[in-house]
C-alpha atoms as a PDB file:
ATOM      1  CA  MET A   1      -0.040  -0.066   0.008  1.00  0.00           C
ATOM      2  CA  LYS A   2       2.979   2.275   0.755  1.00  0.00           C
ATOM      3  CA  ASP A   3       4.220   2.105  -2.822  1.00  0.00           C
ATOM      4  CA  LYS A   4       0.816   3.226  -4.357  1.00  0.00           C
ATOM      5  CA  MET A   5       0.819   6.276  -1.931  1.00  0.00           C
ATOM      6  CA  ALA A   6       4.003   7.300  -3.009  1.00  0.00           C
ATOM      7  CA  LYS A   7       2.778   7.779  -6.706  1.00  0.00           C
ATOM      8  CA  LEU A   8       0.131  10.254  -5.573  1.00  0.00           C
ATOM      9  CA  LYS A   9       0.571  13.787  -6.976  1.00  0.00           C
ATOM     10  CA  ILE A  10      -0.824  15.493  -4.037  1.00  0.00           C
ATOM     11  CA  SER A  11       1.031  15.027  -0.758  1.00  0.00           C
ATOM     12  CA  THR A  12      -1.017  17.383   1.410  1.00  0.00           C
ATOM     13  CA  LEU A  13      -4.376  19.277   1.232  1.00  0.00           C
ATOM     14  CA  PRO A  14      -4.203  22.885   1.768  1.00  0.00           C
ATOM     15  CA  ASN A  15      -5.804  24.426   4.879  1.00  0.00           C
ATOM     16  CA  ASP A  16      -8.904  25.724   3.567  1.00  0.00           C
ATOM     17  CA  LYS A  17     -11.045  25.504   6.932  1.00  0.00           C
ATOM     18  CA  PRO A  18     -12.808  28.655   7.409  1.00  0.00           C
ATOM     19  CA  VAL A  19     -11.725  31.049  10.014  1.00  0.00           C
ATOM     20  CA  LYS A  20     -14.376  32.812  11.804  1.00  0.00           C
ATOM     21  CA  MET A  21     -13.822  36.602  12.311  1.00  0.00           C
ATOM     22  CA  THR A  22     -16.085  39.135  13.915  1.00  0.00           C
ATOM     23  CA  ILE A  23     -15.644  42.724  12.623  1.00  0.00           C
ATOM     24  CA  GLU A  24     -17.365  45.882  12.950  1.00  0.00           C
ATOM     25  CA  LEU A  25     -18.257  47.955  10.026  1.00  0.00           C
ATOM     26  CA  PRO A  26     -18.818  51.536   9.547  1.00  0.00           C
ATOM     27  CA  ALA A  27     -22.515  52.224   8.984  1.00  0.00           C
ATOM     28  CA  PRO A  28     -21.971  53.685   5.388  1.00  0.00           C
ATOM     29  CA  VAL A  29     -20.035  50.255   4.450  1.00  0.00           C
ATOM     30  CA  HIS A  30     -22.762  48.260   5.746  1.00  0.00           C
ATOM     31  CA  LEU A  31     -25.469  49.992   3.796  1.00  0.00           C
ATOM     32  CA  ASP A  32     -22.976  49.941   0.580  1.00  0.00           C
ATOM     33  CA  LEU A  33     -22.763  45.952   1.289  1.00  0.00           C
ATOM     34  CA  LEU A  34     -26.640  45.700   1.402  1.00  0.00           C
ATOM     35  CA  ALA A  35     -26.826  47.593  -1.757  1.00  0.00           C
ATOM     36  CA  TYR A  36     -24.323  45.450  -3.347  1.00  0.00           C
ATOM     37  CA  ALA A  37     -26.254  42.446  -2.309  1.00  0.00           C
ATOM     38  CA  ASP A  38     -29.367  43.848  -3.875  1.00  0.00           C
ATOM     39  CA  ALA A  39     -27.606  44.577  -7.055  1.00  0.00           C
ATOM     40  CA  LEU A  40     -26.141  41.261  -7.382  1.00  0.00           C
ATOM     41  CA  ALA A  41     -29.540  39.563  -6.596  1.00  0.00           C
ATOM     42  CA  ARG A  42     -30.999  41.709  -9.312  1.00  0.00           C
ATOM     43  CA  ALA A  43     -28.196  40.958 -11.797  1.00  0.00           C
ATOM     44  CA  SER A  44     -28.137  37.227 -11.335  1.00  0.00           C
ATOM     45  CA  GLY A  45     -31.697  36.254 -10.160  1.00  0.00           C
ATOM     46  CA  HIS A  46     -30.564  34.983  -6.878  1.00  0.00           C
ATOM     47  CA  SER A  47     -31.047  36.621  -3.808  1.00  0.00           C
ATOM     48  CA  VAL A  48     -28.253  36.911  -1.239  1.00  0.00           C
ATOM     49  CA  SER A  49     -29.688  35.761   2.297  1.00  0.00           C
ATOM     50  CA  ASP A  50     -26.677  36.883   4.146  1.00  0.00           C
ATOM     51  CA  PRO A  51     -24.760  40.044   2.673  1.00  0.00           C
ATOM     52  CA  GLY A  52     -21.833  39.228   5.131  1.00  0.00           C
ATOM     53  CA  LYS A  53     -21.072  36.123   2.794  1.00  0.00           C
ATOM     54  CA  LEU A  54     -19.817  38.675   0.247  1.00  0.00           C
ATOM     55  CA  VAL A  55     -16.973  39.933   2.263  1.00  0.00           C
ATOM     56  CA  ALA A  56     -14.609  37.098   1.693  1.00  0.00           C
ATOM     57  CA  PRO A  57     -15.065  37.047  -2.105  1.00  0.00           C
ATOM     58  CA  MET A  58     -14.792  40.805  -2.206  1.00  0.00           C
ATOM     59  CA  LEU A  59     -11.648  40.812  -0.029  1.00  0.00           C
ATOM     60  CA  ALA A  60     -10.107  37.906  -2.152  1.00  0.00           C
ATOM     61  CA  ARG A  61     -10.854  39.926  -5.410  1.00  0.00           C
ATOM     62  CA  PHE A  62      -9.280  43.070  -3.793  1.00  0.00           C
ATOM     63  CA  MET A  63      -6.181  41.478  -2.936  1.00  0.00           C
ATOM     64  CA  ALA A  64      -5.834  39.346  -6.216  1.00  0.00           C
ATOM     65  CA  THR A  65      -5.926  42.798  -8.228  1.00  0.00           C
ATOM     66  CA  ASP A  66      -3.668  44.906  -5.947  1.00  0.00           C
ATOM     67  CA  ARG A  67      -0.482  45.160  -7.994  1.00  0.00           C
ATOM     68  CA  ALA A  68       1.391  46.530  -4.773  1.00  0.00           C
ATOM     69  CA  PHE A  69       0.083  43.716  -2.689  1.00  0.00           C
ATOM     70  CA  ARG A  70       1.279  41.084  -5.196  1.00  0.00           C
ATOM     71  CA  LYS A  71       4.482  42.369  -5.423  1.00  0.00           C
ATOM     72  CA  PHE A  72       4.868  42.507  -1.609  1.00  0.00           C
ATOM     73  CA  ARG A  73       3.770  38.768  -1.570  1.00  0.00           C
ATOM     74  CA  ARG A  74       6.436  37.756  -4.150  1.00  0.00           C
ATOM     75  CA  GLN A  75       9.247  39.555  -2.567  1.00  0.00           C
ATOM     76  CA  SER A  76       8.228  38.128   1.088  1.00  0.00           C
ATOM     77  CA  ALA A  77       8.008  34.584  -0.348  1.00  0.00           C
ATOM     78  CA  GLN A  78      11.444  35.069  -1.998  1.00  0.00           C
ATOM     79  CA  GLU A  79      12.931  36.286   1.266  1.00  0.00           C
ATOM     80  CA  LYS A  80      11.462  33.337   3.069  1.00  0.00           C
ATOM     81  CA  THR A  81      12.887  30.837   0.829  1.00  0.00           C
ATOM     82  CA  GLY A  82      16.143  32.729   0.159  1.00  0.00           C
ATOM     83  CA  SER A  83      15.665  32.692  -3.726  1.00  0.00           C
ATOM     84  CA  ALA A  84      15.973  35.383  -6.185  1.00  0.00           C
ATOM     85  CA  LEU A  85      13.301  34.700  -8.811  1.00  0.00           C
END
């Protein structure tokens, strides 16, 4: 059985367990989040029961498109591994 396990291409699974956070939003940001949920519901035809569920994809999209942050992450990863890609 151990020989078959050695042929697997994936050795470990990433930690994708959600982390619960409690945050306070300024009232205008909360209102915008509610409005965004409404706009998304109208555009997609699917209602958003919990606008808080929009926060994670919004943050992920924001960080993925922030050039300065991506550059920082690359540099940080290079410093940790000691490589000069």
